[in-house]
Amino acid sequence: MPKAASGEKKSRRAAKDKNAPKRPLSAYMFFSKDYRERVKTENADATFGQIGKILGEMWRSMGDDQKAPYDKKAKEDKARYEREKNALKA
């Protein structure tokens, strides 16, 4: 028979640094922020998960030229994150 889990040690996560910068958003997340409200109004009875699926399908059907502005925002946000992270270390 397996042993009870009470004797095992639980690992703990390191505490988050409250001064740490917010992580950068992906290109898809920028797209999602722009389109979520529009999709929500067009599909008023859709659940949160269904809206996410619709957004995912829209994202996959977009061409690289349509995704370019969101890729640019993501790169800028990543650069911001790296700057803030390095400033925190210094």
PDB file of N, CA and C in Angstrom:
ATOM      1  N   MET A   1       0.826  -1.189   0.000  1.00  0.00           N
ATOM      2  CA  MET A   1       0.000   0.000   0.000  1.00  0.00           C
ATOM      3  C   MET A   1       0.869   1.252   0.000  1.00  0.00           C
ATOM      4  N   PRO A   2       0.432   2.305  -0.705  1.00  0.00           N
ATOM      5  CA  PRO A   2       1.228   3.537  -0.712  1.00  0.00           C
ATOM      6  C   PRO A   2       1.210   4.224   0.640  1.00  0.00           C
ATOM      7  N   LYS A   3       2.298   4.924   0.907  1.00  0.00           N
ATOM      8  CA  LYS A   3       2.404   5.656   2.170  1.00  0.00           C
ATOM      9  C   LYS A   3       1.583   6.933   2.086  1.00  0.00           C
ATOM     10  N   ALA A   4       1.176   7.413   3.218  1.00  0.00           N
ATOM     11  CA  ALA A   4       0.434   8.676   3.289  1.00  0.00           C
ATOM     12  C   ALA A   4       1.353   9.831   2.941  1.00  0.00           C
ATOM     13  N   ALA A   5       0.801  10.843   2.361  1.00  0.00           N
ATOM     14  CA  ALA A   5       1.581  11.999   1.917  1.00  0.00           C
ATOM     15  C   ALA A   5       2.022  12.893   3.073  1.00  0.00           C
ATOM     16  N   SER A   6       1.555  12.610   4.270  1.00  0.00           N
ATOM     17  CA  SER A   6       1.863  13.496   5.389  1.00  0.00           C
ATOM     18  C   SER A   6       3.343  13.499   5.750  1.00  0.00           C
ATOM     19  N   GLY A   7       4.091  12.465   5.426  1.00  0.00           N
ATOM     20  CA  GLY A   7       5.496  12.401   5.767  1.00  0.00           C
ATOM     21  C   GLY A   7       6.394  13.074   4.749  1.00  0.00           C
ATOM     22  N   GLU A   8       5.846  13.444   3.599  1.00  0.00           N
ATOM     23  CA  GLU A   8       6.658  14.053   2.550  1.00  0.00           C
ATOM     24  C   GLU A   8       6.796  15.554   2.777  1.00  0.00           C
ATOM     25  N   LYS A   9       7.944  16.078   2.356  1.00  0.00           N
ATOM     26  CA  LYS A   9       8.158  17.516   2.462  1.00  0.00           C
ATOM     27  C   LYS A   9       7.551  18.192   1.245  1.00  0.00           C
ATOM     28  N   LYS A  10       6.930  19.311   1.484  1.00  0.00           N
ATOM     29  CA  LYS A  10       6.368  20.092   0.391  1.00  0.00           C
ATOM     30  C   LYS A  10       7.363  21.175   0.011  1.00  0.00           C
ATOM     31  N   SER A  11       7.540  21.350  -1.286  1.00  0.00           N
ATOM     32  CA  SER A  11       8.443  22.422  -1.718  1.00  0.00           C
ATOM     33  C   SER A  11       7.657  23.731  -1.734  1.00  0.00           C
ATOM     34  N   ARG A  12       8.324  24.787  -1.412  1.00  0.00           N
ATOM     35  CA  ARG A  12       7.686  26.098  -1.395  1.00  0.00           C
ATOM     36  C   ARG A  12       8.272  26.949  -2.497  1.00  0.00           C
ATOM     37  N   ARG A  13       7.438  27.766  -3.053  1.00  0.00           N
ATOM     38  CA  ARG A  13       7.911  28.704  -4.060  1.00  0.00           C
ATOM     39  C   ARG A  13       8.628  29.851  -3.382  1.00  0.00           C
ATOM     40  N   ALA A  14       9.561  30.414  -4.105  1.00  0.00           N
ATOM     41  CA  ALA A  14      10.235  31.603  -3.596  1.00  0.00           C
ATOM     42  C   ALA A  14       9.233  32.748  -3.613  1.00  0.00           C
ATOM     43  N   ALA A  15       9.293  33.592  -2.622  1.00  0.00           N
ATOM     44  CA  ALA A  15       8.366  34.717  -2.542  1.00  0.00           C
ATOM     45  C   ALA A  15       8.618  35.667  -3.707  1.00  0.00           C
ATOM     46  N   LYS A  16       7.537  36.197  -4.279  1.00  0.00           N
ATOM     47  CA  LYS A  16       7.670  37.141  -5.383  1.00  0.00           C
ATOM     48  C   LYS A  16       8.190  38.469  -4.869  1.00  0.00           C
ATOM     49  N   ASP A  17       9.030  39.079  -5.666  1.00  0.00           N
ATOM     50  CA  ASP A  17       9.534  40.408  -5.345  1.00  0.00           C
ATOM     51  C   ASP A  17       8.447  41.410  -5.715  1.00  0.00           C
ATOM     52  N   LYS A  18       7.986  42.147  -4.754  1.00  0.00           N
ATOM     53  CA  LYS A  18       6.901  43.100  -4.997  1.00  0.00           C
ATOM     54  C   LYS A  18       7.341  44.265  -5.877  1.00  0.00           C
ATOM     55  N   ASN A  19       8.652  44.506  -5.961  1.00  0.00           N
ATOM     56  CA  ASN A  19       9.164  45.587  -6.798  1.00  0.00           C
ATOM     57  C   ASN A  19       9.512  45.121  -8.209  1.00  0.00           C
ATOM     58  N   ALA A  20       9.383  43.843  -8.465  1.00  0.00           N
ATOM     59  CA  ALA A  20       9.742  43.301  -9.774  1.00  0.00           C
ATOM     60  C   ALA A  20       8.814  43.865 -10.850  1.00  0.00           C
ATOM     61  N   PRO A  21       9.346  44.103 -12.054  1.00  0.00           N
ATOM     62  CA  PRO A  21       8.501  44.630 -13.134  1.00  0.00           C
ATOM     63  C   PRO A  21       7.517  43.573 -13.621  1.00  0.00           C
ATOM     64  N   LYS A  22       6.419  44.037 -14.196  1.00  0.00           N
ATOM     65  CA  LYS A  22       5.445  43.112 -14.759  1.00  0.00           C
ATOM     66  C   LYS A  22       6.064  42.415 -15.953  1.00  0.00           C
ATOM     67  N   ARG A  23       5.734  41.146 -16.125  1.00  0.00           N
ATOM     68  CA  ARG A  23       6.265  40.389 -17.250  1.00  0.00           C
ATOM     69  C   ARG A  23       5.731  40.944 -18.560  1.00  0.00           C
ATOM     70  N   PRO A  24       6.501  40.783 -19.644  1.00  0.00           N
ATOM     71  CA  PRO A  24       6.055  41.327 -20.927  1.00  0.00           C
ATOM     72  C   PRO A  24       4.889  40.518 -21.501  1.00  0.00           C
ATOM     73  N   LEU A  25       4.034  41.206 -22.243  1.00  0.00           N
ATOM     74  CA  LEU A  25       2.919  40.546 -22.897  1.00  0.00           C
ATOM     75  C   LEU A  25       3.359  40.022 -24.262  1.00  0.00           C
ATOM     76  N   SER A  26       2.748  38.934 -24.683  1.00  0.00           N
ATOM     77  CA  SER A  26       3.030  38.389 -26.011  1.00  0.00           C
ATOM     78  C   SER A  26       2.228  39.148 -27.055  1.00  0.00           C
ATOM     79  N   ALA A  27       2.574  38.926 -28.319  1.00  0.00           N
ATOM     80  CA  ALA A  27       1.849  39.559 -29.421  1.00  0.00           C
ATOM     81  C   ALA A  27       0.379  39.147 -29.370  1.00  0.00           C
ATOM     82  N   TYR A  28       0.117  37.877 -29.070  1.00  0.00           N
ATOM     83  CA  TYR A  28      -1.268  37.404 -28.989  1.00  0.00           C
ATOM     84  C   TYR A  28      -2.035  38.123 -27.881  1.00  0.00           C
ATOM     85  N   MET A  29      -1.386  38.381 -26.756  1.00  0.00           N
ATOM     86  CA  MET A  29      -2.075  39.055 -25.659  1.00  0.00           C
ATOM     87  C   MET A  29      -2.431  40.493 -26.021  1.00  0.00           C
ATOM     88  N   PHE A  30      -1.556  41.178 -26.752  1.00  0.00           N
ATOM     89  CA  PHE A  30      -1.895  42.524 -27.226  1.00  0.00           C
ATOM     90  C   PHE A  30      -3.083  42.462 -28.180  1.00  0.00           C
ATOM     91  N   PHE A  31      -3.085  41.480 -29.083  1.00  0.00           N
ATOM     92  CA  PHE A  31      -4.208  41.284 -30.008  1.00  0.00           C
ATOM     93  C   PHE A  31      -5.490  41.010 -29.226  1.00  0.00           C
ATOM     94  N   SER A  32      -5.394  40.142 -28.238  1.00  0.00           N
ATOM     95  CA  SER A  32      -6.543  39.761 -27.431  1.00  0.00           C
ATOM     96  C   SER A  32      -7.128  40.960 -26.696  1.00  0.00           C
ATOM     97  N   LYS A  33      -6.264  41.815 -26.162  1.00  0.00           N
ATOM     98  CA  LYS A  33      -6.743  43.020 -25.470  1.00  0.00           C
ATOM     99  C   LYS A  33      -7.499  43.929 -26.426  1.00  0.00           C
ATOM    100  N   ASP A  34      -7.031  44.020 -27.674  1.00  0.00           N
ATOM    101  CA  ASP A  34      -7.685  44.877 -28.659  1.00  0.00           C
ATOM    102  C   ASP A  34      -9.038  44.337 -29.116  1.00  0.00           C
ATOM    103  N   TYR A  35      -9.159  43.030 -29.235  1.00  0.00           N
ATOM    104  CA  TYR A  35     -10.346  42.441 -29.850  1.00  0.00           C
ATOM    105  C   TYR A  35     -11.342  41.817 -28.883  1.00  0.00           C
ATOM    106  N   ARG A  36     -10.977  41.583 -27.635  1.00  0.00           N
ATOM    107  CA  ARG A  36     -11.861  40.866 -26.707  1.00  0.00           C
ATOM    108  C   ARG A  36     -13.234  41.537 -26.560  1.00  0.00           C
ATOM    109  N   GLU A  37     -13.270  42.835 -26.356  1.00  0.00           N
ATOM    110  CA  GLU A  37     -14.553  43.526 -26.174  1.00  0.00           C
ATOM    111  C   GLU A  37     -15.427  43.413 -27.427  1.00  0.00           C
ATOM    112  N   ARG A  38     -14.806  43.566 -28.591  1.00  0.00           N
ATOM    113  CA  ARG A  38     -15.543  43.468 -29.850  1.00  0.00           C
ATOM    114  C   ARG A  38     -16.156  42.073 -30.005  1.00  0.00           C
ATOM    115  N   VAL A  39     -15.363  41.049 -29.735  1.00  0.00           N
ATOM    116  CA  VAL A  39     -15.856  39.671 -29.841  1.00  0.00           C
ATOM    117  C   VAL A  39     -16.941  39.421 -28.803  1.00  0.00           C
ATOM    118  N   LYS A  40     -16.767  39.996 -27.616  1.00  0.00           N
ATOM    119  CA  LYS A  40     -17.757  39.813 -26.540  1.00  0.00           C
ATOM    120  C   LYS A  40     -19.096  40.430 -26.926  1.00  0.00           C
ATOM    121  N   THR A  41     -19.096  41.603 -27.557  1.00  0.00           N
ATOM    122  CA  THR A  41     -20.358  42.235 -27.943  1.00  0.00           C
ATOM    123  C   THR A  41     -21.003  41.505 -29.120  1.00  0.00           C
ATOM    124  N   GLU A  42     -20.191  40.972 -30.035  1.00  0.00           N
ATOM    125  CA  GLU A  42     -20.738  40.233 -31.176  1.00  0.00           C
ATOM    126  C   GLU A  42     -21.283  38.875 -30.756  1.00  0.00           C
ATOM    127  N   ASN A  43     -20.765  38.315 -29.668  1.00  0.00           N
ATOM    128  CA  ASN A  43     -21.178  36.998 -29.169  1.00  0.00           C
ATOM    129  C   ASN A  43     -21.575  37.136 -27.709  1.00  0.00           C
ATOM    130  N   ALA A  44     -22.669  37.841 -27.465  1.00  0.00           N
ATOM    131  CA  ALA A  44     -23.076  38.190 -26.100  1.00  0.00           C
ATOM    132  C   ALA A  44     -23.301  36.970 -25.207  1.00  0.00           C
ATOM    133  N   ASP A  45     -23.745  35.872 -25.762  1.00  0.00           N
ATOM    134  CA  ASP A  45     -24.042  34.692 -24.947  1.00  0.00           C
ATOM    135  C   ASP A  45     -22.849  33.746 -24.811  1.00  0.00           C
ATOM    136  N   ALA A  46     -21.695  34.088 -25.382  1.00  0.00           N
ATOM    137  CA  ALA A  46     -20.518  33.224 -25.328  1.00  0.00           C
ATOM    138  C   ALA A  46     -19.866  33.289 -23.947  1.00  0.00           C
ATOM    139  N   THR A  47     -19.327  32.158 -23.521  1.00  0.00           N
ATOM    140  CA  THR A  47     -18.609  32.109 -22.247  1.00  0.00           C
ATOM    141  C   THR A  47     -17.196  32.643 -22.448  1.00  0.00           C
ATOM    142  N   PHE A  48     -16.486  32.827 -21.345  1.00  0.00           N
ATOM    143  CA  PHE A  48     -15.113  33.315 -21.402  1.00  0.00           C
ATOM    144  C   PHE A  48     -14.248  32.376 -22.249  1.00  0.00           C
ATOM    145  N   GLY A  49     -14.417  31.083 -22.048  1.00  0.00           N
ATOM    146  CA  GLY A  49     -13.649  30.093 -22.806  1.00  0.00           C
ATOM    147  C   GLY A  49     -13.968  30.127 -24.283  1.00  0.00           C
ATOM    148  N   GLN A  50     -15.241  30.286 -24.618  1.00  0.00           N
ATOM    149  CA  GLN A  50     -15.636  30.347 -26.021  1.00  0.00           C
ATOM    150  C   GLN A  50     -15.061  31.598 -26.688  1.00  0.00           C
ATOM    151  N   ILE A  51     -15.049  32.707 -25.967  1.00  0.00           N
ATOM    152  CA  ILE A  51     -14.462  33.938 -26.513  1.00  0.00           C
ATOM    153  C   ILE A  51     -12.972  33.719 -26.763  1.00  0.00           C
ATOM    154  N   GLY A  52     -12.314  33.042 -25.867  1.00  0.00           N
ATOM    155  CA  GLY A  52     -10.896  32.734 -26.052  1.00  0.00           C
ATOM    156  C   GLY A  52     -10.657  31.881 -27.285  1.00  0.00           C
ATOM    157  N   LYS A  53     -11.541  30.911 -27.525  1.00  0.00           N
ATOM    158  CA  LYS A  53     -11.406  30.068 -28.716  1.00  0.00           C
ATOM    159  C   LYS A  53     -11.607  30.876 -29.982  1.00  0.00           C
ATOM    160  N   ILE A  54     -12.587  31.779 -29.968  1.00  0.00           N
ATOM    161  CA  ILE A  54     -12.838  32.635 -31.135  1.00  0.00           C
ATOM    162  C   ILE A  54     -11.622  33.509 -31.406  1.00  0.00           C
ATOM    163  N   LEU A  55     -11.071  34.102 -30.342  1.00  0.00           N
ATOM    164  CA  LEU A  55      -9.881  34.943 -30.501  1.00  0.00           C
ATOM    165  C   LEU A  55      -8.703  34.134 -31.039  1.00  0.00           C
ATOM    166  N   GLY A  56      -8.544  32.924 -30.545  1.00  0.00           N
ATOM    167  CA  GLY A  56      -7.463  32.057 -31.019  1.00  0.00           C
ATOM    168  C   GLY A  56      -7.606  31.725 -32.491  1.00  0.00           C
ATOM    169  N   GLU A  57      -8.837  31.452 -32.926  1.00  0.00           N
ATOM    170  CA  GLU A  57      -9.077  31.164 -34.344  1.00  0.00           C
ATOM    171  C   GLU A  57      -8.778  32.399 -35.194  1.00  0.00           C
ATOM    172  N   MET A  58      -9.188  33.572 -34.699  1.00  0.00           N
ATOM    173  CA  MET A  58      -8.914  34.807 -35.428  1.00  0.00           C
ATOM    174  C   MET A  58      -7.412  35.018 -35.564  1.00  0.00           C
ATOM    175  N   TRP A  59      -6.677  34.798 -34.486  1.00  0.00           N
ATOM    176  CA  TRP A  59      -5.233  35.000 -34.478  1.00  0.00           C
ATOM    177  C   TRP A  59      -4.550  34.045 -35.472  1.00  0.00           C
ATOM    178  N   ARG A  60      -4.971  32.784 -35.463  1.00  0.00           N
ATOM    179  CA  ARG A  60      -4.357  31.807 -36.365  1.00  0.00           C
ATOM    180  C   ARG A  60      -4.649  32.112 -37.824  1.00  0.00           C
ATOM    181  N   SER A  61      -5.799  32.726 -38.103  1.00  0.00           N
ATOM    182  CA  SER A  61      -6.159  33.005 -39.486  1.00  0.00           C
ATOM    183  C   SER A  61      -5.512  34.285 -40.019  1.00  0.00           C
ATOM    184  N   MET A  62      -4.924  35.077 -39.136  1.00  0.00           N
ATOM    185  CA  MET A  62      -4.291  36.328 -39.551  1.00  0.00           C
ATOM    186  C   MET A  62      -2.960  36.049 -40.241  1.00  0.00           C
ATOM    187  N   GLY A  63      -2.627  36.898 -41.204  1.00  0.00           N
ATOM    188  CA  GLY A  63      -1.341  36.797 -41.874  1.00  0.00           C
ATOM    189  C   GLY A  63      -0.265  37.508 -41.077  1.00  0.00           C
ATOM    190  N   ASP A  64       0.980  37.277 -41.468  1.00  0.00           N
ATOM    191  CA  ASP A  64       2.102  37.894 -40.762  1.00  0.00           C
ATOM    192  C   ASP A  64       2.044  39.416 -40.828  1.00  0.00           C
ATOM    193  N   ASP A  65       1.567  39.955 -41.965  1.00  0.00           N
ATOM    194  CA  ASP A  65       1.488  41.412 -42.075  1.00  0.00           C
ATOM    195  C   ASP A  65       0.444  41.992 -41.131  1.00  0.00           C
ATOM    196  N   GLN A  66      -0.627  41.237 -40.842  1.00  0.00           N
ATOM    197  CA  GLN A  66      -1.645  41.689 -39.891  1.00  0.00           C
ATOM    198  C   GLN A  66      -1.165  41.557 -38.452  1.00  0.00           C
ATOM    199  N   LYS A  67      -0.277  40.584 -38.209  1.00  0.00           N
ATOM    200  CA  LYS A  67       0.255  40.369 -36.863  1.00  0.00           C
ATOM    201  C   LYS A  67       1.412  41.307 -36.536  1.00  0.00           C
ATOM    202  N   ALA A  68       1.986  41.925 -37.553  1.00  0.00           N
ATOM    203  CA  ALA A  68       3.187  42.747 -37.383  1.00  0.00           C
ATOM    204  C   ALA A  68       3.045  43.832 -36.309  1.00  0.00           C
ATOM    205  N   PRO A  69       1.926  44.591 -36.260  1.00  0.00           N
ATOM    206  CA  PRO A  69       1.833  45.623 -35.211  1.00  0.00           C
ATOM    207  C   PRO A  69       1.863  45.026 -33.798  1.00  0.00           C
ATOM    208  N   TYR A  70       1.285  43.847 -33.643  1.00  0.00           N
ATOM    209  CA  TYR A  70       1.259  43.205 -32.324  1.00  0.00           C
ATOM    210  C   TYR A  70       2.639  42.645 -31.981  1.00  0.00           C
ATOM    211  N   ASP A  71       3.355  42.132 -33.003  1.00  0.00           N
ATOM    212  CA  ASP A  71       4.727  41.673 -32.777  1.00  0.00           C
ATOM    213  C   ASP A  71       5.605  42.842 -32.345  1.00  0.00           C
ATOM    214  N   LYS A  72       5.399  43.999 -32.970  1.00  0.00           N
ATOM    215  CA  LYS A  72       6.182  45.187 -32.619  1.00  0.00           C
ATOM    216  C   LYS A  72       5.910  45.605 -31.173  1.00  0.00           C
ATOM    217  N   LYS A  73       4.617  45.609 -30.783  1.00  0.00           N
ATOM    218  CA  LYS A  73       4.275  45.954 -29.399  1.00  0.00           C
ATOM    219  C   LYS A  73       4.908  44.974 -28.418  1.00  0.00           C
ATOM    220  N   ALA A  74       4.911  43.685 -28.776  1.00  0.00           N
ATOM    221  CA  ALA A  74       5.478  42.662 -27.898  1.00  0.00           C
ATOM    222  C   ALA A  74       6.982  42.861 -27.737  1.00  0.00           C
ATOM    223  N   LYS A  75       7.669  43.192 -28.828  1.00  0.00           N
ATOM    224  CA  LYS A  75       9.109  43.436 -28.745  1.00  0.00           C
ATOM    225  C   LYS A  75       9.401  44.660 -27.883  1.00  0.00           C
ATOM    226  N   GLU A  76       8.597  45.707 -28.045  1.00  0.00           N
ATOM    227  CA  GLU A  76       8.779  46.912 -27.237  1.00  0.00           C
ATOM    228  C   GLU A  76       8.530  46.611 -25.758  1.00  0.00           C
ATOM    229  N   ASP A  77       7.509  45.797 -25.482  1.00  0.00           N
ATOM    230  CA  ASP A  77       7.192  45.465 -24.095  1.00  0.00           C
ATOM    231  C   ASP A  77       8.285  44.598 -23.482  1.00  0.00           C
ATOM    232  N   LYS A  78       8.860  43.701 -24.290  1.00  0.00           N
ATOM    233  CA  LYS A  78       9.950  42.868 -23.786  1.00  0.00           C
ATOM    234  C   LYS A  78      11.170  43.728 -23.473  1.00  0.00           C
ATOM    235  N   ALA A  79      11.450  44.716 -24.332  1.00  0.00           N
ATOM    236  CA  ALA A  79      12.576  45.624 -24.086  1.00  0.00           C
ATOM    237  C   ALA A  79      12.338  46.418 -22.805  1.00  0.00           C
ATOM    238  N   ARG A  80      11.092  46.871 -22.590  1.00  0.00           N
ATOM    239  CA  ARG A  80      10.741  47.583 -21.360  1.00  0.00           C
ATOM    240  C   ARG A  80      10.989  46.703 -20.144  1.00  0.00           C
ATOM    241  N   TYR A  81      10.558  45.456 -20.235  1.00  0.00           N
ATOM    242  CA  TYR A  81      10.734  44.519 -19.134  1.00  0.00           C
ATOM    243  C   TYR A  81      12.216  44.306 -18.823  1.00  0.00           C
ATOM    244  N   GLU A  82      13.021  44.114 -19.856  1.00  0.00           N
ATOM    245  CA  GLU A  82      14.455  43.896 -19.652  1.00  0.00           C
ATOM    246  C   GLU A  82      15.107  45.122 -19.017  1.00  0.00           C
ATOM    247  N   ARG A  83      14.729  46.325 -19.477  1.00  0.00           N
ATOM    248  CA  ARG A  83      15.276  47.558 -18.892  1.00  0.00           C
ATOM    249  C   ARG A  83      14.928  47.651 -17.413  1.00  0.00           C
ATOM    250  N   GLU A  84      13.658  47.410 -17.094  1.00  0.00           N
ATOM    251  CA  GLU A  84      13.215  47.520 -15.702  1.00  0.00           C
ATOM    252  C   GLU A  84      13.849  46.446 -14.833  1.00  0.00           C
ATOM    253  N   LYS A  85      14.013  45.245 -15.390  1.00  0.00           N
ATOM    254  CA  LYS A  85      14.622  44.149 -14.640  1.00  0.00           C
ATOM    255  C   LYS A  85      16.093  44.459 -14.353  1.00  0.00           C
ATOM    256  N   ASN A  86      16.793  44.987 -15.358  1.00  0.00           N
ATOM    257  CA  ASN A  86      18.204  45.325 -15.165  1.00  0.00           C
ATOM    258  C   ASN A  86      18.367  46.499 -14.205  1.00  0.00           C
ATOM    259  N   ALA A  87      17.454  47.456 -14.251  1.00  0.00           N
ATOM    260  CA  ALA A  87      17.506  48.591 -13.332  1.00  0.00           C
ATOM    261  C   ALA A  87      17.282  48.126 -11.897  1.00  0.00           C
ATOM    262  N   LEU A  88      16.459  47.120 -11.724  1.00  0.00           N
ATOM    263  CA  LEU A  88      16.179  46.591 -10.389  1.00  0.00           C
ATOM    264  C   LEU A  88      17.405  45.884  -9.817  1.00  0.00           C
ATOM    265  N   LYS A  89      18.152  45.202 -10.692  1.00  0.00           N
ATOM    266  CA  LYS A  89      19.349  44.489 -10.247  1.00  0.00           C
ATOM    267  C   LYS A  89      20.472  45.443  -9.874  1.00  0.00           C
ATOM    268  N   ALA A  90      20.525  46.573 -10.550  1.00  0.00           N
ATOM    269  CA  ALA A  90      21.626  47.528 -10.337  1.00  0.00           C
ATOM    270  C   ALA A  90      21.530  48.252  -9.018  1.00  0.00           C
TER     271      ALA A  90
END
